[in-house]
Amino acid sequence: AVDGVDTTDFVVLRDYVRERAGETVELEVTGENGVRV
């Protein structure tokens, strides 16, 4: 997720990031050690 927007589909992540040049965003990252923000 980015700023609370579901980005499990990479196309959504790509399009969301492209429109926010220079902005600070919050990333929800999922990995082997669980979820971190």
PDB file of all heavy atoms in Angstrom:
ATOM      1  N   ALA A   1       0.848  -1.201   0.000  1.00  0.00           N
ATOM      2  CA  ALA A   1       0.000   0.000   0.000  1.00  0.00           C
ATOM      3  C   ALA A   1       0.875   1.239   0.000  1.00  0.00           C
ATOM      4  O   ALA A   1       1.996   1.229   0.537  1.00  0.00           O
ATOM      5  CB  ALA A   1      -0.939   0.009   1.200  1.00  0.00           C
ATOM      6  N   VAL A   2       0.366   2.319  -0.602  1.00  0.00           N
ATOM      7  CA  VAL A   2       1.006   3.630  -0.578  1.00  0.00           C
ATOM      8  C   VAL A   2      -0.038   4.650  -0.174  1.00  0.00           C
ATOM      9  O   VAL A   2      -1.079   4.771  -0.845  1.00  0.00           O
ATOM     10  CB  VAL A   2       1.612   4.000  -1.953  1.00  0.00           C
ATOM     11  CG1 VAL A   2       2.260   5.376  -1.876  1.00  0.00           C
ATOM     12  CG2 VAL A   2       2.605   2.970  -2.412  1.00  0.00           C
ATOM     13  N   ASP A   3       0.215   5.346   0.935  1.00  0.00           N
ATOM     14  CA  ASP A   3      -0.750   6.319   1.453  1.00  0.00           C
ATOM     15  C   ASP A   3      -2.130   5.696   1.634  1.00  0.00           C
ATOM     16  O   ASP A   3      -3.165   6.340   1.393  1.00  0.00           O
ATOM     17  CB  ASP A   3      -0.839   7.536   0.529  1.00  0.00           C
ATOM     18  CG  ASP A   3       0.449   8.344   0.492  1.00  0.00           C
ATOM     19  OD1 ASP A   3       1.228   8.256   1.461  1.00  0.00           O
ATOM     20  OD2 ASP A   3       0.676   9.055  -0.503  1.00  0.00           O
ATOM     21  N   GLY A   4      -2.152   4.424   2.000  1.00  0.00           N
ATOM     22  CA  GLY A   4      -3.410   3.741   2.235  1.00  0.00           C
ATOM     23  C   GLY A   4      -4.066   3.172   0.985  1.00  0.00           C
ATOM     24  O   GLY A   4      -5.071   2.475   1.074  1.00  0.00           O
ATOM     25  N   VAL A   5      -3.476   3.427  -0.182  1.00  0.00           N
ATOM     26  CA  VAL A   5      -4.014   2.907  -1.437  1.00  0.00           C
ATOM     27  C   VAL A   5      -3.444   1.504  -1.681  1.00  0.00           C
ATOM     28  O   VAL A   5      -2.223   1.318  -1.624  1.00  0.00           O
ATOM     29  CB  VAL A   5      -3.672   3.827  -2.617  1.00  0.00           C
ATOM     30  CG1 VAL A   5      -4.168   3.228  -3.934  1.00  0.00           C
ATOM     31  CG2 VAL A   5      -4.258   5.208  -2.404  1.00  0.00           C
ATOM     32  N   ASP A   6      -4.308   0.530  -1.929  1.00  0.00           N
ATOM     33  CA  ASP A   6      -3.881  -0.852  -2.151  1.00  0.00           C
ATOM     34  C   ASP A   6      -3.036  -0.928  -3.426  1.00  0.00           C
ATOM     35  O   ASP A   6      -3.497  -0.596  -4.514  1.00  0.00           O
ATOM     36  CB  ASP A   6      -5.118  -1.746  -2.277  1.00  0.00           C
ATOM     37  CG  ASP A   6      -4.744  -3.225  -2.394  1.00  0.00           C
ATOM     38  OD1 ASP A   6      -3.542  -3.526  -2.470  1.00  0.00           O
ATOM     39  OD2 ASP A   6      -5.655  -4.066  -2.411  1.00  0.00           O
ATOM     40  N   THR A   7      -1.783  -1.384  -3.280  1.00  0.00           N
ATOM     41  CA  THR A   7      -0.880  -1.478  -4.434  1.00  0.00           C
ATOM     42  C   THR A   7      -0.364  -2.907  -4.605  1.00  0.00           C
ATOM     43  O   THR A   7       0.760  -3.112  -5.080  1.00  0.00           O
ATOM     44  CB  THR A   7       0.314  -0.512  -4.284  1.00  0.00           C
ATOM     45  OG1 THR A   7       0.986  -0.788  -3.041  1.00  0.00           O
ATOM     46  CG2 THR A   7      -0.149   0.928  -4.321  1.00  0.00           C
ATOM     47  N   THR A   8      -1.159  -3.882  -4.206  1.00  0.00           N
ATOM     48  CA  THR A   8      -0.757  -5.270  -4.462  1.00  0.00           C
ATOM     49  C   THR A   8      -0.677  -5.529  -5.966  1.00  0.00           C
ATOM     50  O   THR A   8       0.028  -6.448  -6.393  1.00  0.00           O
ATOM     51  CB  THR A   8      -1.747  -6.248  -3.816  1.00  0.00           C
ATOM     52  OG1 THR A   8      -3.085  -5.905  -4.217  1.00  0.00           O
ATOM     53  CG2 THR A   8      -1.662  -6.189  -2.297  1.00  0.00           C
ATOM     54  N   ASP A   9      -1.404  -4.731  -6.763  1.00  0.00           N
ATOM     55  CA  ASP A   9      -1.248  -4.763  -8.216  1.00  0.00           C
ATOM     56  C   ASP A   9      -0.199  -3.714  -8.585  1.00  0.00           C
ATOM     57  O   ASP A   9      -0.374  -2.523  -8.315  1.00  0.00           O
ATOM     58  CB  ASP A   9      -2.574  -4.457  -8.909  1.00  0.00           C
ATOM     59  CG  ASP A   9      -2.521  -4.726 -10.413  1.00  0.00           C
ATOM     60  OD1 ASP A   9      -1.505  -4.373 -11.034  1.00  0.00           O
ATOM     61  OD2 ASP A   9      -3.483  -5.296 -10.947  1.00  0.00           O
ATOM     62  N   PHE A  10       0.899  -4.145  -9.183  1.00  0.00           N
ATOM     63  CA  PHE A  10       2.008  -3.244  -9.465  1.00  0.00           C
ATOM     64  C   PHE A  10       1.601  -2.101 -10.391  1.00  0.00           C
ATOM     65  O   PHE A  10       2.166  -1.000 -10.300  1.00  0.00           O
ATOM     66  CB  PHE A  10       3.174  -4.012 -10.085  1.00  0.00           C
ATOM     67  CG  PHE A  10       4.396  -3.172 -10.310  1.00  0.00           C
ATOM     68  CD1 PHE A  10       5.249  -2.877  -9.265  1.00  0.00           C
ATOM     69  CD2 PHE A  10       4.679  -2.652 -11.571  1.00  0.00           C
ATOM     70  CE1 PHE A  10       6.372  -2.081  -9.461  1.00  0.00           C
ATOM     71  CE2 PHE A  10       5.792  -1.868 -11.771  1.00  0.00           C
ATOM     72  CZ  PHE A  10       6.650  -1.574 -10.717  1.00  0.00           C
ATOM     73  N   VAL A  11       0.646  -2.321 -11.274  1.00  0.00           N
ATOM     74  CA  VAL A  11       0.200  -1.260 -12.182  1.00  0.00           C
ATOM     75  C   VAL A  11      -0.357  -0.085 -11.387  1.00  0.00           C
ATOM     76  O   VAL A  11      -0.130   1.079 -11.721  1.00  0.00           O
ATOM     77  CB  VAL A  11      -0.857  -1.802 -13.169  1.00  0.00           C
ATOM     78  CG1 VAL A  11      -1.422  -0.668 -14.014  1.00  0.00           C
ATOM     79  CG2 VAL A  11      -0.259  -2.873 -14.058  1.00  0.00           C
ATOM     80  N   VAL A  12      -1.086  -0.390 -10.295  1.00  0.00           N
ATOM     81  CA  VAL A  12      -1.631   0.672  -9.439  1.00  0.00           C
ATOM     82  C   VAL A  12      -0.497   1.448  -8.786  1.00  0.00           C
ATOM     83  O   VAL A  12      -0.504   2.683  -8.729  1.00  0.00           O
ATOM     84  CB  VAL A  12      -2.570   0.068  -8.375  1.00  0.00           C
ATOM     85  CG1 VAL A  12      -3.065   1.162  -7.432  1.00  0.00           C
ATOM     86  CG2 VAL A  12      -3.740  -0.638  -9.032  1.00  0.00           C
ATOM     87  N   LEU A  13       0.529   0.724  -8.292  1.00  0.00           N
ATOM     88  CA  LEU A  13       1.682   1.381  -7.678  1.00  0.00           C
ATOM     89  C   LEU A  13       2.392   2.281  -8.682  1.00  0.00           C
ATOM     90  O   LEU A  13       2.717   3.437  -8.381  1.00  0.00           O
ATOM     91  CB  LEU A  13       2.646   0.320  -7.152  1.00  0.00           C
ATOM     92  CG  LEU A  13       4.005   0.825  -6.665  1.00  0.00           C
ATOM     93  CD1 LEU A  13       3.838   1.695  -5.429  1.00  0.00           C
ATOM     94  CD2 LEU A  13       4.953  -0.333  -6.393  1.00  0.00           C
ATOM     95  N   ARG A  14       2.632   1.766  -9.875  1.00  0.00           N
ATOM     96  CA  ARG A  14       3.329   2.539 -10.910  1.00  0.00           C
ATOM     97  C   ARG A  14       2.595   3.835 -11.225  1.00  0.00           C
ATOM     98  O   ARG A  14       3.195   4.920 -11.274  1.00  0.00           O
ATOM     99  CB  ARG A  14       3.475   1.690 -12.174  1.00  0.00           C
ATOM    100  CG  ARG A  14       4.194   2.353 -13.330  1.00  0.00           C
ATOM    101  CD  ARG A  14       3.927   1.613 -14.623  1.00  0.00           C
ATOM    102  NE  ARG A  14       2.501   1.664 -14.947  1.00  0.00           N
ATOM    103  CZ  ARG A  14       1.926   0.909 -15.894  1.00  0.00           C
ATOM    104  NH1 ARG A  14       2.645   0.044 -16.577  1.00  0.00           N
ATOM    105  NH2 ARG A  14       0.628   1.031 -16.146  1.00  0.00           N
ATOM    106  N   ASP A  15       1.300   3.736 -11.456  1.00  0.00           N
ATOM    107  CA  ASP A  15       0.521   4.920 -11.816  1.00  0.00           C
ATOM    108  C   ASP A  15       0.432   5.912 -10.662  1.00  0.00           C
ATOM    109  O   ASP A  15       0.477   7.132 -10.874  1.00  0.00           O
ATOM    110  CB  ASP A  15      -0.886   4.500 -12.264  1.00  0.00           C
ATOM    111  CG  ASP A  15      -0.866   3.692 -13.549  1.00  0.00           C
ATOM    112  OD1 ASP A  15       0.151   3.735 -14.261  1.00  0.00           O
ATOM    113  OD2 ASP A  15      -1.875   3.006 -13.836  1.00  0.00           O
ATOM    114  N   TYR A  16       0.309   5.413  -9.436  1.00  0.00           N
ATOM    115  CA  TYR A  16       0.202   6.293  -8.262  1.00  0.00           C
ATOM    116  C   TYR A  16       1.490   7.078  -8.066  1.00  0.00           C
ATOM    117  O   TYR A  16       1.476   8.281  -7.820  1.00  0.00           O
ATOM    118  CB  TYR A  16      -0.124   5.455  -7.022  1.00  0.00           C
ATOM    119  CG  TYR A  16      -0.449   6.279  -5.796  1.00  0.00           C
ATOM    120  CD1 TYR A  16      -1.757   6.685  -5.526  1.00  0.00           C
ATOM    121  CD2 TYR A  16       0.546   6.662  -4.900  1.00  0.00           C
ATOM    122  CE1 TYR A  16      -2.062   7.449  -4.417  1.00  0.00           C
ATOM    123  CE2 TYR A  16       0.266   7.430  -3.785  1.00  0.00           C
ATOM    124  CZ  TYR A  16      -1.047   7.818  -3.543  1.00  0.00           C
ATOM    125  OH  TYR A  16      -1.342   8.576  -2.427  1.00  0.00           O
ATOM    126  N   VAL A  17       2.624   6.386  -8.192  1.00  0.00           N
ATOM    127  CA  VAL A  17       3.925   7.031  -7.992  1.00  0.00           C
ATOM    128  C   VAL A  17       4.198   8.059  -9.083  1.00  0.00           C
ATOM    129  O   VAL A  17       4.708   9.155  -8.809  1.00  0.00           O
ATOM    130  CB  VAL A  17       5.038   5.957  -7.958  1.00  0.00           C
ATOM    131  CG1 VAL A  17       6.420   6.601  -8.068  1.00  0.00           C
ATOM    132  CG2 VAL A  17       4.939   5.132  -6.683  1.00  0.00           C
ATOM    133  N   ARG A  18       3.872   7.751 -10.323  1.00  0.00           N
ATOM    134  CA  ARG A  18       4.147   8.670 -11.436  1.00  0.00           C
ATOM    135  C   ARG A  18       3.504  10.036 -11.233  1.00  0.00           C
ATOM    136  O   ARG A  18       4.051  11.063 -11.650  1.00  0.00           O
ATOM    137  CB  ARG A  18       3.640   8.055 -12.745  1.00  0.00           C
ATOM    138  CG  ARG A  18       4.556   6.997 -13.336  1.00  0.00           C
ATOM    139  CD  ARG A  18       3.983   6.464 -14.626  1.00  0.00           C
ATOM    140  NE  ARG A  18       4.885   5.497 -15.258  1.00  0.00           N
ATOM    141  CZ  ARG A  18       4.596   4.826 -16.353  1.00  0.00           C
ATOM    142  NH1 ARG A  18       3.425   5.027 -16.975  1.00  0.00           N
ATOM    143  NH2 ARG A  18       5.457   3.965 -16.854  1.00  0.00           N
ATOM    144  N   GLU A  19       2.349  10.070 -10.600  1.00  0.00           N
ATOM    145  CA  GLU A  19       1.593  11.320 -10.458  1.00  0.00           C
ATOM    146  C   GLU A  19       2.025  12.145  -9.251  1.00  0.00           C
ATOM    147  O   GLU A  19       1.450  13.208  -8.996  1.00  0.00           O
ATOM    148  CB  GLU A  19       0.098  11.000 -10.354  1.00  0.00           C
ATOM    149  CG  GLU A  19      -0.474  10.329 -11.596  1.00  0.00           C
ATOM    150  CD  GLU A  19      -1.918   9.887 -11.398  1.00  0.00           C
ATOM    151  OE1 GLU A  19      -2.434  10.108 -10.275  1.00  0.00           O
ATOM    152  OE2 GLU A  19      -2.513   9.348 -12.344  1.00  0.00           O
ATOM    153  N   ARG A  20       3.019  11.708  -8.497  1.00  0.00           N
ATOM    154  CA  ARG A  20       3.376  12.381  -7.241  1.00  0.00           C
ATOM    155  C   ARG A  20       4.868  12.675  -7.144  1.00  0.00           C
ATOM    156  O   ARG A  20       5.515  12.361  -6.157  1.00  0.00           O
ATOM    157  CB  ARG A  20       2.893  11.533  -6.056  1.00  0.00           C
ATOM    158  CG  ARG A  20       1.380  11.595  -5.913  1.00  0.00           C
ATOM    159  CD  ARG A  20       0.799  10.497  -5.064  1.00  0.00           C
ATOM    160  NE  ARG A  20      -0.638  10.679  -4.916  1.00  0.00           N
ATOM    161  CZ  ARG A  20      -1.524  10.374  -5.867  1.00  0.00           C
ATOM    162  NH1 ARG A  20      -1.113   9.860  -7.012  1.00  0.00           N
ATOM    163  NH2 ARG A  20      -2.804  10.592  -5.672  1.00  0.00           N
ATOM    164  N   ALA A  21       5.411  13.254  -8.183  1.00  0.00           N
ATOM    165  CA  ALA A  21       6.834  13.617  -8.199  1.00  0.00           C
ATOM    166  C   ALA A  21       7.139  14.615  -7.092  1.00  0.00           C
ATOM    167  O   ALA A  21       6.440  15.623  -6.926  1.00  0.00           O
ATOM    168  CB  ALA A  21       7.208  14.207  -9.557  1.00  0.00           C
ATOM    169  N   GLY A  22       8.176  14.327  -6.287  1.00  0.00           N
ATOM    170  CA  GLY A  22       8.603  15.235  -5.229  1.00  0.00           C
ATOM    171  C   GLY A  22       7.807  15.153  -3.952  1.00  0.00           C
ATOM    172  O   GLY A  22       8.152  15.820  -2.966  1.00  0.00           O
ATOM    173  N   GLU A  23       6.756  14.367  -3.901  1.00  0.00           N
ATOM    174  CA  GLU A  23       5.923  14.259  -2.711  1.00  0.00           C
ATOM    175  C   GLU A  23       6.457  13.194  -1.759  1.00  0.00           C
ATOM    176  O   GLU A  23       7.103  12.223  -2.168  1.00  0.00           O
ATOM    177  CB  GLU A  23       4.477  13.925  -3.083  1.00  0.00           C
ATOM    178  CG  GLU A  23       3.781  14.995  -3.910  1.00  0.00           C
ATOM    179  CD  GLU A  23       2.321  14.644  -4.184  1.00  0.00           C
ATOM    180  OE1 GLU A  23       1.791  13.751  -3.493  1.00  0.00           O
ATOM    181  OE2 GLU A  23       1.712  15.267  -5.075  1.00  0.00           O
ATOM    182  N   THR A  24       6.173  13.385  -0.473  1.00  0.00           N
ATOM    183  CA  THR A  24       6.513  12.386   0.538  1.00  0.00           C
ATOM    184  C   THR A  24       5.341  11.426   0.688  1.00  0.00           C
ATOM    185  O   THR A  24       4.193  11.868   0.865  1.00  0.00           O
ATOM    186  CB  THR A  24       6.826  13.045   1.885  1.00  0.00           C
ATOM    187  OG1 THR A  24       7.952  13.915   1.737  1.00  0.00           O
ATOM    188  CG2 THR A  24       7.151  11.996   2.940  1.00  0.00           C
ATOM    189  N   VAL A  25       5.627  10.143   0.593  1.00  0.00           N
ATOM    190  CA  VAL A  25       4.570   9.137   0.645  1.00  0.00           C
ATOM    191  C   VAL A  25       4.872   8.127   1.751  1.00  0.00           C
ATOM    192  O   VAL A  25       6.019   7.964   2.188  1.00  0.00           O
ATOM    193  CB  VAL A  25       4.426   8.387  -0.697  1.00  0.00           C
ATOM    194  CG1 VAL A  25       3.973   9.326  -1.800  1.00  0.00           C
ATOM    195  CG2 VAL A  25       5.738   7.712  -1.084  1.00  0.00           C
ATOM    196  N   GLU A  26       3.828   7.456   2.190  1.00  0.00           N
ATOM    197  CA  GLU A  26       3.945   6.430   3.229  1.00  0.00           C
ATOM    198  C   GLU A  26       3.781   5.057   2.598  1.00  0.00           C
ATOM    199  O   GLU A  26       2.767   4.784   1.946  1.00  0.00           O
ATOM    200  CB  GLU A  26       2.877   6.648   4.306  1.00  0.00           C
ATOM    201  CG  GLU A  26       2.982   5.677   5.475  1.00  0.00           C
ATOM    202  CD  GLU A  26       1.898   5.920   6.508  1.00  0.00           C
ATOM    203  OE1 GLU A  26       0.754   5.446   6.276  1.00  0.00           O
ATOM    204  OE2 GLU A  26       2.163   6.588   7.527  1.00  0.00           O
ATOM    205  N   LEU A  27       4.799   4.207   2.763  1.00  0.00           N
ATOM    206  CA  LEU A  27       4.792   2.887   2.150  1.00  0.00           C
ATOM    207  C   LEU A  27       4.517   1.815   3.189  1.00  0.00           C
ATOM    208  O   LEU A  27       5.115   1.824   4.273  1.00  0.00           O
ATOM    209  CB  LEU A  27       6.148   2.593   1.497  1.00  0.00           C
ATOM    210  CG  LEU A  27       6.705   3.624   0.513  1.00  0.00           C
ATOM    211  CD1 LEU A  27       8.077   3.172   0.021  1.00  0.00           C
ATOM    212  CD2 LEU A  27       5.762   3.836  -0.651  1.00  0.00           C
ATOM    213  N   GLU A  28       3.591   0.928   2.852  1.00  0.00           N
ATOM    214  CA  GLU A  28       3.367  -0.261   3.672  1.00  0.00           C
ATOM    215  C   GLU A  28       4.075  -1.423   2.991  1.00  0.00           C
ATOM    216  O   GLU A  28       3.728  -1.822   1.879  1.00  0.00           O
ATOM    217  CB  GLU A  28       1.873  -0.552   3.796  1.00  0.00           C
ATOM    218  CG  GLU A  28       1.554  -1.754   4.673  1.00  0.00           C
ATOM    219  CD  GLU A  28       0.062  -2.015   4.766  1.00  0.00           C
ATOM    220  OE1 GLU A  28      -0.641  -1.193   5.374  1.00  0.00           O
ATOM    221  OE2 GLU A  28      -0.384  -3.044   4.201  1.00  0.00           O
ATOM    222  N   VAL A  29       5.114  -1.938   3.644  1.00  0.00           N
ATOM    223  CA  VAL A  29       6.004  -2.920   3.037  1.00  0.00           C
ATOM    224  C   VAL A  29       5.814  -4.273   3.713  1.00  0.00           C
ATOM    225  O   VAL A  29       5.859  -4.376   4.946  1.00  0.00           O
ATOM    226  CB  VAL A  29       7.479  -2.476   3.154  1.00  0.00           C
ATOM    227  CG1 VAL A  29       8.386  -3.467   2.430  1.00  0.00           C
ATOM    228  CG2 VAL A  29       7.657  -1.071   2.590  1.00  0.00           C
ATOM    229  N   THR A  30       5.607  -5.300   2.884  1.00  0.00           N
ATOM    230  CA  THR A  30       5.424  -6.662   3.379  1.00  0.00           C
ATOM    231  C   THR A  30       6.620  -7.508   2.968  1.00  0.00           C
ATOM    232  O   THR A  30       7.013  -7.521   1.806  1.00  0.00           O
ATOM    233  CB  THR A  30       4.136  -7.281   2.819  1.00  0.00           C
ATOM    234  OG1 THR A  30       3.023  -6.445   3.150  1.00  0.00           O
ATOM    235  CG2 THR A  30       3.914  -8.676   3.393  1.00  0.00           C
ATOM    236  N   GLY A  31       7.206  -8.212   3.961  1.00  0.00           N
ATOM    237  CA  GLY A  31       8.353  -9.062   3.687  1.00  0.00           C
ATOM    238  C   GLY A  31       8.420 -10.239   4.626  1.00  0.00           C
ATOM    239  O   GLY A  31       7.433 -10.568   5.312  1.00  0.00           O
ATOM    240  N   GLU A  32       9.583 -10.860   4.697  1.00  0.00           N
ATOM    241  CA  GLU A  32       9.745 -12.036   5.546  1.00  0.00           C
ATOM    242  C   GLU A  32       9.549 -11.714   7.019  1.00  0.00           C
ATOM    243  O   GLU A  32       9.144 -12.572   7.808  1.00  0.00           O
ATOM    244  CB  GLU A  32      11.147 -12.639   5.340  1.00  0.00           C
ATOM    245  CG  GLU A  32      11.347 -13.261   3.963  1.00  0.00           C
ATOM    246  CD  GLU A  32      12.725 -13.888   3.831  1.00  0.00           C
ATOM    247  OE1 GLU A  32      13.530 -13.756   4.786  1.00  0.00           O
ATOM    248  OE2 GLU A  32      12.979 -14.514   2.775  1.00  0.00           O
ATOM    249  N   ASN A  33       9.839 -10.470   7.413  1.00  0.00           N
ATOM    250  CA  ASN A  33       9.727 -10.069   8.821  1.00  0.00           C
ATOM    251  C   ASN A  33       8.397  -9.414   9.133  1.00  0.00           C
ATOM    252  O   ASN A  33       8.266  -8.710  10.145  1.00  0.00           O
ATOM    253  CB  ASN A  33      10.882  -9.129   9.177  1.00  0.00           C
ATOM    254  CG  ASN A  33      12.234  -9.787   9.015  1.00  0.00           C
ATOM    255  OD1 ASN A  33      12.389 -10.969   9.314  1.00  0.00           O
ATOM    256  ND2 ASN A  33      13.216  -9.033   8.534  1.00  0.00           N
ATOM    257  N   GLY A  34       7.410  -9.628   8.276  1.00  0.00           N
ATOM    258  CA  GLY A  34       6.090  -9.069   8.524  1.00  0.00           C
ATOM    259  C   GLY A  34       5.856  -7.771   7.787  1.00  0.00           C
ATOM    260  O   GLY A  34       6.443  -7.526   6.722  1.00  0.00           O
ATOM    261  N   VAL A  35       5.021  -6.908   8.364  1.00  0.00           N
ATOM    262  CA  VAL A  35       4.628  -5.645   7.734  1.00  0.00           C
ATOM    263  C   VAL A  35       5.266  -4.485   8.488  1.00  0.00           C
ATOM    264  O   VAL A  35       5.260  -4.451   9.727  1.00  0.00           O
ATOM    265  CB  VAL A  35       3.095  -5.477   7.725  1.00  0.00           C
ATOM    266  CG1 VAL A  35       2.706  -4.158   7.076  1.00  0.00           C
ATOM    267  CG2 VAL A  35       2.436  -6.638   6.990  1.00  0.00           C
ATOM    268  N   ARG A  36       5.841  -3.541   7.720  1.00  0.00           N
ATOM    269  CA  ARG A  36       6.382  -2.325   8.320  1.00  0.00           C
ATOM    270  C   ARG A  36       5.958  -1.124   7.489  1.00  0.00           C
ATOM    271  O   ARG A  36       5.624  -1.258   6.298  1.00  0.00           O
ATOM    272  CB  ARG A  36       7.917  -2.383   8.406  1.00  0.00           C
ATOM    273  CG  ARG A  36       8.616  -2.568   7.078  1.00  0.00           C
ATOM    274  CD  ARG A  36      10.104  -2.849   7.284  1.00  0.00           C
ATOM    275  NE  ARG A  36      10.797  -3.124   6.035  1.00  0.00           N
ATOM    276  CZ  ARG A  36      11.402  -2.209   5.295  1.00  0.00           C
ATOM    277  NH1 ARG A  36      11.394  -0.941   5.694  1.00  0.00           N
ATOM    278  NH2 ARG A  36      12.002  -2.540   4.159  1.00  0.00           N
ATOM    279  N   VAL A  37       5.959   0.058   8.118  1.00  0.00           N
ATOM    280  CA  VAL A  37       5.547   1.287   7.452  1.00  0.00           C
ATOM    281  C   VAL A  37       6.720   2.258   7.451  1.00  0.00           C
ATOM    282  O   VAL A  37       7.323   2.507   8.507  1.00  0.00           O
ATOM    283  CB  VAL A  37       4.320   1.911   8.146  1.00  0.00           C
ATOM    284  CG1 VAL A  37       3.956   3.242   7.477  1.00  0.00           C
ATOM    285  CG2 VAL A  37       3.138   0.960   8.095  1.00  0.00           C
TER     286      VAL A  37
END
